[in-house]
């Protein structure tokens, strides 16, 4: 298995009126997810999410803002190298979602758009993600930045 695949997920979507999961490949002109069947032959079209990056957060923030009715859909994520296995497990769980074991599977892969949408801080850089110790080794501190005019 390619080591890079371990750090990648794909975003799955299920309509509220359907138990069929599909892989998100984008957003259409109406703000709805563009989807394809979760099959390896469609892999080049998948929206790939790098676990080490901030792609999911950015995508969900944009999706919530652009989508007219985000509650019409439920989103799920799965490792790209296990897509078919996870889709099968989720679709089985959707048949009896009230069973605790099935609910656990559903919750394990569910993505909440509101939970992943960041509130804008007013700054281009989130200071909680700054390695201040590393910057201090370069003689840059919070204080010096606060007193520097932009």
Protein backbone atom coordinates (compact mmCIF):
# COMPACT_ATOMS: atom_id res chain seq x y z
CA UNK A 1 0.00 0.00 0.00
CA UNK A 2 1.21 3.49 -0.82
CA UNK A 3 2.28 5.22 2.42
CA UNK A 4 0.76 8.52 1.20
CA UNK A 5 -2.72 6.94 1.15
CA UNK A 6 -2.67 6.52 4.94
CA UNK A 7 -2.92 10.29 5.31
CA UNK A 8 -5.77 10.73 2.84
CA UNK A 9 -9.55 10.54 3.24
CA UNK A 10 -12.40 11.09 0.85
CA UNK A 11 -15.63 12.88 1.71
CA UNK A 12 -18.80 10.78 1.47
CA UNK A 13 -22.33 12.16 1.22
CA UNK A 14 -25.77 10.61 1.77
CA UNK A 15 -29.03 12.36 0.93
CA UNK A 16 -31.54 12.43 3.80
CA UNK A 17 -34.01 10.48 1.64
CA UNK A 18 -31.51 7.81 0.56
CA UNK A 19 -29.23 5.21 2.12
CA UNK A 20 -26.81 5.35 -0.80
CA UNK A 21 -23.38 6.83 -0.10
CA UNK A 22 -21.48 8.64 -2.82
CA UNK A 23 -18.06 10.30 -2.95
CA UNK A 24 -17.98 14.09 -3.22
CA UNK A 25 -16.05 15.44 -6.22
CA UNK A 26 -17.13 19.08 -6.00
CA UNK A 27 -20.15 21.39 -5.79
CA UNK A 28 -22.59 22.03 -8.63
CA UNK A 29 -24.05 25.39 -9.68
CA UNK A 30 -26.97 24.93 -7.24
CA UNK A 31 -24.66 24.44 -4.27
CA UNK A 32 -25.31 20.70 -4.11
CA UNK A 33 -22.47 18.19 -3.91
CA UNK A 34 -21.33 16.68 -7.21
CA UNK A 35 -20.86 12.98 -6.56
CA UNK A 36 -19.66 9.71 -8.07
CA UNK A 37 -20.04 6.09 -7.05
CA UNK A 38 -17.47 4.97 -4.44
CA UNK A 39 -15.54 2.73 -6.83
CA UNK A 40 -11.80 2.61 -7.44
CA UNK A 41 -12.27 3.50 -11.12
CA UNK A 42 -13.70 6.87 -9.99
CA UNK A 43 -10.71 7.56 -7.71
CA UNK A 44 -9.20 10.24 -10.01
CA UNK A 45 -12.38 12.31 -9.50
CA UNK A 46 -12.54 11.99 -5.68
CA UNK A 47 -12.12 15.07 -3.51
CA UNK A 48 -9.04 13.96 -1.57
CA UNK A 49 -8.54 15.28 1.94
CA UNK A 50 -5.03 15.34 3.35
CA UNK A 51 -5.25 14.55 7.07
CA UNK A 52 -2.13 16.61 7.72
CA UNK A 53 -3.51 19.63 5.91
CA UNK A 54 -6.43 21.92 6.57
CA UNK A 55 -8.43 20.94 3.48
CA UNK A 56 -11.49 19.52 5.27
CA UNK A 57 -11.86 22.60 7.41
CA UNK A 58 -11.60 24.86 4.36
CA UNK A 59 -13.95 22.76 2.26
CA UNK A 60 -16.61 22.56 4.98
CA UNK A 61 -16.42 26.30 5.64
CA UNK A 62 -16.93 27.01 1.94
CA UNK A 63 -19.64 24.40 1.62
CA UNK A 64 -21.70 25.73 4.54
CA UNK A 65 -21.44 29.26 3.13
CA UNK A 66 -22.37 28.26 -0.43
CA UNK A 67 -24.93 25.55 0.13
CA UNK A 68 -28.52 26.76 0.44
CA UNK A 69 -29.65 23.85 2.59
CA UNK A 70 -26.68 22.12 4.22
CA UNK A 71 -28.99 20.07 6.44
CA UNK A 72 -30.32 18.20 3.38
CA UNK A 73 -27.16 16.11 3.40
CA UNK A 74 -25.13 14.04 5.79
CA UNK A 75 -21.39 13.82 5.23
CA UNK A 76 -19.03 11.00 6.06
CA UNK A 77 -15.30 10.43 5.62
CA UNK A 78 -13.33 7.31 4.90
CA UNK A 79 -9.70 6.45 4.17
CA UNK A 80 -9.21 6.41 0.41
CA UNK A 81 -7.57 2.96 0.51
CA UNK A 82 -10.60 1.46 2.37
CA UNK A 83 -13.40 3.30 0.57
CA UNK A 84 -15.35 0.25 -0.61
CA UNK A 85 -15.12 -1.53 2.76
CA UNK A 86 -16.27 1.56 4.70
CA UNK A 87 -19.10 2.30 2.25
CA UNK A 88 -20.40 -1.26 2.64
CA UNK A 89 -20.26 -1.02 6.46
CA UNK A 90 -21.99 2.36 6.47
CA UNK A 91 -24.72 1.27 4.09
CA UNK A 92 -25.40 -1.78 6.28
CA UNK A 93 -25.53 0.51 9.33
CA UNK A 94 -28.03 2.82 7.59
CA UNK A 95 -30.49 -0.10 7.36
CA UNK A 96 -30.85 -0.15 11.18
CA UNK A 97 -29.30 3.11 12.41
CA UNK A 98 -30.90 2.86 15.87
CA UNK A 99 -28.81 -0.16 16.85
CA UNK A 100 -25.89 0.99 19.04
CA UNK A 101 -23.24 -0.84 16.97
CA UNK A 102 -24.57 0.71 13.76
CA UNK A 103 -24.80 4.16 15.36
CA UNK A 104 -21.17 3.83 16.45
CA UNK A 105 -20.07 3.08 12.86
CA UNK A 106 -22.11 5.99 11.53
CA UNK A 107 -20.74 8.40 14.16
CA UNK A 108 -17.15 7.24 13.58
CA UNK A 109 -17.29 8.39 9.95
CA UNK A 110 -19.75 11.29 10.18
CA UNK A 111 -18.56 14.84 9.44
CA UNK A 112 -20.52 17.76 10.84
CA UNK A 113 -20.19 20.84 8.57
CA UNK A 114 -20.79 23.27 11.44
CA UNK A 115 -18.13 21.63 13.61
CA UNK A 116 -15.53 21.91 10.87
CA UNK A 117 -16.33 25.45 9.72
CA UNK A 118 -13.93 27.86 11.34
CA UNK A 119 -15.10 31.20 12.54
CA UNK A 120 -13.01 33.95 10.92
CA UNK A 121 -10.63 35.44 13.46
CA UNK A 122 -9.93 38.65 11.60
CA UNK A 123 -6.31 37.58 11.13
CA UNK A 124 -4.74 35.93 8.10
CA UNK A 125 -2.90 33.53 10.42
CA UNK A 126 -4.43 31.63 13.32
CA UNK A 127 -2.06 32.47 16.18
CA UNK A 128 -3.00 29.24 17.98
CA UNK A 129 -1.19 27.36 15.23
CA UNK A 130 2.04 29.34 15.51
CA UNK A 131 5.06 27.63 17.03
CA UNK A 132 6.07 30.55 19.26
CA UNK A 133 9.12 28.71 20.65
CA UNK A 134 10.54 28.31 17.18
CA UNK A 135 9.88 31.97 16.36
CA UNK A 136 11.54 33.10 19.60
CA UNK A 137 14.71 31.29 18.50
CA UNK A 138 14.61 33.68 15.53
CA UNK A 139 14.11 36.65 17.90
CA UNK A 140 10.43 37.06 17.00
CA UNK A 141 8.02 37.25 19.94
CA UNK A 142 4.36 38.03 20.37
CA UNK A 143 5.33 41.37 21.87
CA UNK A 144 7.51 42.41 18.94
CA UNK A 145 4.77 41.49 16.50
CA UNK A 146 2.13 43.38 18.47
CA UNK A 147 4.21 46.54 18.34
CA UNK A 148 5.09 46.21 14.65
CA UNK A 149 2.92 48.25 12.31
CA UNK A 150 1.49 46.38 9.36
